[in-house]
């Protein structure tokens, strides 16, 4: 049986009903993330900044799980941006 450990970032709100990630065996399952600017609570108008915030979040979860982004990994993601 694979071991399972939940991963939570230190600055996440305590009232969320899910963890930031789950490490099962050697596979890390990252919960849905969004590119919201933590300073404003809004998505930035520039998509490149939104993606930077999003990938910085992925990096923070990987680091908290003790994984490095410079190793081999596979990622599957779905991104949807609603037009205003």
N, C-alpha and C. Protein backbone atom coordinates (compact mmCIF):
# COMPACT_ATOMS: atom_id res chain seq x y z
N UNK A 1 0.84 -1.18 0.00
CA UNK A 1 0.00 0.00 0.00
C UNK A 1 0.89 1.25 0.00
N UNK A 2 0.54 2.24 -0.82
CA UNK A 2 1.31 3.48 -0.90
C UNK A 2 1.03 4.37 0.31
N UNK A 3 2.06 5.05 0.76
CA UNK A 3 1.87 6.02 1.84
C UNK A 3 1.23 7.27 1.26
N UNK A 4 0.50 7.99 2.09
CA UNK A 4 -0.17 9.22 1.66
C UNK A 4 0.10 10.32 2.67
N UNK A 5 0.44 11.51 2.14
CA UNK A 5 0.70 12.66 3.00
C UNK A 5 0.06 13.88 2.36
N UNK A 6 -0.66 14.67 3.14
CA UNK A 6 -1.22 15.90 2.60
C UNK A 6 -0.18 17.02 2.72
N UNK A 7 -0.18 17.89 1.74
CA UNK A 7 0.75 19.02 1.67
C UNK A 7 -0.07 20.31 1.74
N UNK A 8 0.28 21.18 2.65
CA UNK A 8 -0.37 22.49 2.75
C UNK A 8 0.69 23.57 2.91
N UNK A 9 0.53 24.65 2.15
CA UNK A 9 1.45 25.78 2.26
C UNK A 9 1.19 26.51 3.58
N UNK A 10 2.23 27.07 4.18
CA UNK A 10 2.08 27.71 5.49
C UNK A 10 1.12 28.90 5.50
N UNK A 11 0.99 29.61 4.37
CA UNK A 11 0.16 30.83 4.36
C UNK A 11 -1.24 30.62 3.80
N UNK A 12 -1.66 29.38 3.64
CA UNK A 12 -3.00 29.14 3.06
C UNK A 12 -4.08 29.39 4.11
N UNK A 13 -5.27 29.84 3.67
CA UNK A 13 -6.37 30.03 4.62
C UNK A 13 -6.75 28.69 5.26
N UNK A 14 -6.99 28.71 6.55
CA UNK A 14 -7.27 27.48 7.29
C UNK A 14 -8.65 26.90 6.99
N UNK A 15 -9.56 27.70 6.47
CA UNK A 15 -10.93 27.23 6.28
C UNK A 15 -11.19 26.55 4.94
N UNK A 16 -10.17 26.32 4.13
CA UNK A 16 -10.38 25.66 2.85
C UNK A 16 -10.68 24.17 3.07
N UNK A 17 -11.64 23.62 2.30
CA UNK A 17 -12.03 22.22 2.50
C UNK A 17 -11.16 21.21 1.75
N UNK A 18 -9.97 21.61 1.32
CA UNK A 18 -9.08 20.73 0.58
C UNK A 18 -7.64 21.09 0.90
N UNK A 19 -6.74 20.18 0.62
CA UNK A 19 -5.32 20.47 0.84
C UNK A 19 -4.71 20.99 -0.46
N UNK A 20 -3.51 21.57 -0.36
CA UNK A 20 -2.83 22.08 -1.56
C UNK A 20 -2.37 20.94 -2.46
N UNK A 21 -2.06 19.80 -1.86
CA UNK A 21 -1.61 18.65 -2.65
C UNK A 21 -1.67 17.39 -1.78
N UNK A 22 -1.59 16.26 -2.45
CA UNK A 22 -1.49 14.98 -1.75
C UNK A 22 -0.33 14.21 -2.39
N UNK A 23 0.57 13.74 -1.54
CA UNK A 23 1.69 12.93 -2.00
C UNK A 23 1.34 11.48 -1.71
N UNK A 24 1.15 10.70 -2.78
CA UNK A 24 0.80 9.29 -2.65
C UNK A 24 1.92 8.49 -3.30
N UNK A 25 2.66 7.77 -2.47
CA UNK A 25 3.85 7.09 -2.99
C UNK A 25 4.82 8.13 -3.48
N UNK A 26 5.19 8.04 -4.77
CA UNK A 26 6.10 9.04 -5.33
C UNK A 26 5.39 9.97 -6.32
N UNK A 27 4.05 10.02 -6.24
CA UNK A 27 3.27 10.88 -7.13
C UNK A 27 2.63 12.00 -6.32
N UNK A 28 2.81 13.23 -6.79
CA UNK A 28 2.23 14.40 -6.13
C UNK A 28 1.03 14.87 -6.94
N UNK A 29 -0.13 14.90 -6.29
CA UNK A 29 -1.35 15.40 -6.91
C UNK A 29 -1.60 16.80 -6.36
N UNK A 30 -1.48 17.81 -7.23
CA UNK A 30 -1.65 19.21 -6.82
C UNK A 30 -3.09 19.62 -7.06
N UNK A 31 -3.69 20.23 -6.04
CA UNK A 31 -5.06 20.74 -6.17
C UNK A 31 -5.10 21.88 -7.17
N UNK A 32 -6.30 22.18 -7.63
CA UNK A 32 -6.48 23.27 -8.58
C UNK A 32 -5.90 24.57 -8.06
N UNK A 33 -5.21 25.27 -8.89
CA UNK A 33 -4.60 26.54 -8.52
C UNK A 33 -5.06 27.59 -9.53
N UNK A 34 -5.09 28.83 -9.10
CA UNK A 34 -5.46 29.93 -9.99
C UNK A 34 -4.44 31.05 -9.86
N UNK A 35 -4.31 31.84 -10.89
CA UNK A 35 -3.31 32.91 -10.91
C UNK A 35 -3.83 34.22 -10.36
N UNK A 36 -4.33 34.16 -9.13
CA UNK A 36 -4.85 35.37 -8.48
C UNK A 36 -3.71 36.08 -7.76
N UNK A 37 -3.63 37.40 -7.95
CA UNK A 37 -2.62 38.21 -7.27
C UNK A 37 -2.98 38.27 -5.79
N UNK A 38 -2.11 37.76 -4.91
CA UNK A 38 -2.43 37.76 -3.48
C UNK A 38 -2.57 39.16 -2.89
N UNK A 39 -1.95 40.15 -3.51
CA UNK A 39 -2.03 41.53 -2.99
C UNK A 39 -3.39 42.16 -3.27
N UNK A 40 -4.02 41.81 -4.41
CA UNK A 40 -5.28 42.44 -4.79
C UNK A 40 -6.48 41.50 -4.70
N UNK A 41 -6.22 40.19 -4.74
CA UNK A 41 -7.32 39.22 -4.76
C UNK A 41 -7.97 39.10 -6.14
N UNK A 42 -7.34 39.68 -7.15
CA UNK A 42 -7.88 39.67 -8.51
C UNK A 42 -6.88 39.05 -9.48
N UNK A 43 -7.40 38.57 -10.60
CA UNK A 43 -6.51 38.10 -11.67
C UNK A 43 -5.88 39.33 -12.33
N UNK A 44 -4.58 39.31 -12.57
CA UNK A 44 -3.94 40.45 -13.23
C UNK A 44 -4.46 40.59 -14.67
N UNK A 45 -4.45 41.80 -15.21
CA UNK A 45 -4.93 41.99 -16.58
C UNK A 45 -4.00 41.36 -17.62
N UNK A 46 -2.72 41.18 -17.29
CA UNK A 46 -1.77 40.58 -18.23
C UNK A 46 -1.71 39.07 -17.98
N UNK A 47 -1.94 38.30 -19.03
CA UNK A 47 -1.96 36.84 -18.88
C UNK A 47 -0.59 36.29 -18.49
N UNK A 48 0.51 36.95 -18.94
CA UNK A 48 1.83 36.45 -18.56
C UNK A 48 2.08 36.59 -17.06
N UNK A 49 1.56 37.64 -16.43
CA UNK A 49 1.70 37.79 -14.98
C UNK A 49 0.82 36.77 -14.25
N UNK A 50 -0.36 36.53 -14.78
CA UNK A 50 -1.24 35.52 -14.19
C UNK A 50 -0.58 34.14 -14.22
N UNK A 51 0.06 33.81 -15.35
CA UNK A 51 0.76 32.52 -15.45
C UNK A 51 1.96 32.47 -14.52
N UNK A 52 2.68 33.58 -14.35
CA UNK A 52 3.82 33.63 -13.44
C UNK A 52 3.35 33.33 -12.01
N UNK A 53 2.25 33.96 -11.59
CA UNK A 53 1.69 33.71 -10.26
C UNK A 53 1.28 32.24 -10.13
N UNK A 54 0.65 31.71 -11.16
CA UNK A 54 0.21 30.31 -11.16
C UNK A 54 1.40 29.36 -11.01
N UNK A 55 2.45 29.54 -11.80
CA UNK A 55 3.60 28.65 -11.75
C UNK A 55 4.44 28.86 -10.49
N UNK A 56 4.44 30.07 -9.95
CA UNK A 56 5.09 30.28 -8.65
C UNK A 56 4.36 29.47 -7.58
N UNK A 57 3.04 29.38 -7.69
CA UNK A 57 2.27 28.55 -6.76
C UNK A 57 2.62 27.08 -6.89
N UNK A 58 2.75 26.60 -8.13
CA UNK A 58 3.17 25.21 -8.35
C UNK A 58 4.54 24.96 -7.70
N UNK A 59 5.45 25.90 -7.91
CA UNK A 59 6.80 25.76 -7.35
C UNK A 59 6.77 25.71 -5.83
N UNK A 60 5.93 26.54 -5.22
CA UNK A 60 5.83 26.55 -3.76
C UNK A 60 5.32 25.22 -3.23
N UNK A 61 4.34 24.63 -3.92
CA UNK A 61 3.81 23.33 -3.49
C UNK A 61 4.87 22.24 -3.67
N UNK A 62 5.57 22.26 -4.80
CA UNK A 62 6.64 21.28 -5.01
C UNK A 62 7.71 21.39 -3.93
N UNK A 63 8.09 22.61 -3.58
CA UNK A 63 9.10 22.82 -2.55
C UNK A 63 8.60 22.31 -1.20
N UNK A 64 7.34 22.62 -0.86
CA UNK A 64 6.77 22.18 0.42
C UNK A 64 6.71 20.65 0.49
N UNK A 65 6.55 20.00 -0.66
CA UNK A 65 6.51 18.53 -0.72
C UNK A 65 7.90 17.92 -0.73
N UNK A 66 8.94 18.77 -0.79
CA UNK A 66 10.31 18.27 -0.81
C UNK A 66 10.75 17.83 -2.18
N UNK A 67 10.08 18.33 -3.21
CA UNK A 67 10.44 17.99 -4.59
C UNK A 67 11.09 19.19 -5.25
N UNK A 68 11.88 18.91 -6.26
CA UNK A 68 12.55 19.98 -6.99
C UNK A 68 11.97 20.06 -8.39
N UNK A 69 11.84 21.27 -8.92
CA UNK A 69 11.30 21.44 -10.26
C UNK A 69 12.35 21.16 -11.34
N UNK A 70 13.61 20.97 -10.96
CA UNK A 70 14.63 20.72 -11.97
C UNK A 70 14.76 19.23 -12.30
N UNK A 71 14.01 18.38 -11.63
CA UNK A 71 14.01 16.96 -11.95
C UNK A 71 12.98 16.68 -13.03
N UNK A 72 12.87 15.42 -13.41
CA UNK A 72 11.88 15.03 -14.43
C UNK A 72 10.52 14.92 -13.77
N UNK A 73 9.54 15.54 -14.40
CA UNK A 73 8.18 15.39 -13.91
C UNK A 73 7.22 15.55 -15.07
N UNK A 74 6.03 15.01 -14.88
CA UNK A 74 4.97 15.15 -15.87
C UNK A 74 3.88 15.99 -15.26
N UNK A 75 3.25 16.81 -16.09
CA UNK A 75 2.20 17.67 -15.59
C UNK A 75 1.05 17.68 -16.57
N UNK A 76 -0.15 17.57 -16.06
CA UNK A 76 -1.33 17.71 -16.89
C UNK A 76 -2.14 18.84 -16.29
N UNK A 77 -2.53 19.76 -17.10
CA UNK A 77 -3.30 20.89 -16.58
C UNK A 77 -4.37 21.34 -17.56
N UNK A 78 -5.37 21.96 -17.01
CA UNK A 78 -6.43 22.55 -17.81
C UNK A 78 -6.55 23.99 -17.39
N UNK A 79 -6.49 24.91 -18.32
CA UNK A 79 -6.58 26.33 -18.00
C UNK A 79 -7.75 26.95 -18.78
N UNK A 80 -8.58 27.65 -18.06
CA UNK A 80 -9.72 28.33 -18.67
C UNK A 80 -9.71 29.76 -18.19
N UNK A 81 -9.83 30.68 -19.10
CA UNK A 81 -9.92 32.11 -18.72
C UNK A 81 -11.19 32.67 -19.33
N UNK A 82 -12.04 33.16 -18.47
CA UNK A 82 -13.30 33.73 -18.92
C UNK A 82 -13.07 35.12 -19.49
N UNK A 83 -13.60 35.36 -20.66
CA UNK A 83 -13.51 36.70 -21.26
C UNK A 83 -14.51 37.61 -20.61
N UNK A 84 -14.13 38.87 -20.44
CA UNK A 84 -15.05 39.84 -19.83
C UNK A 84 -15.84 40.53 -20.89
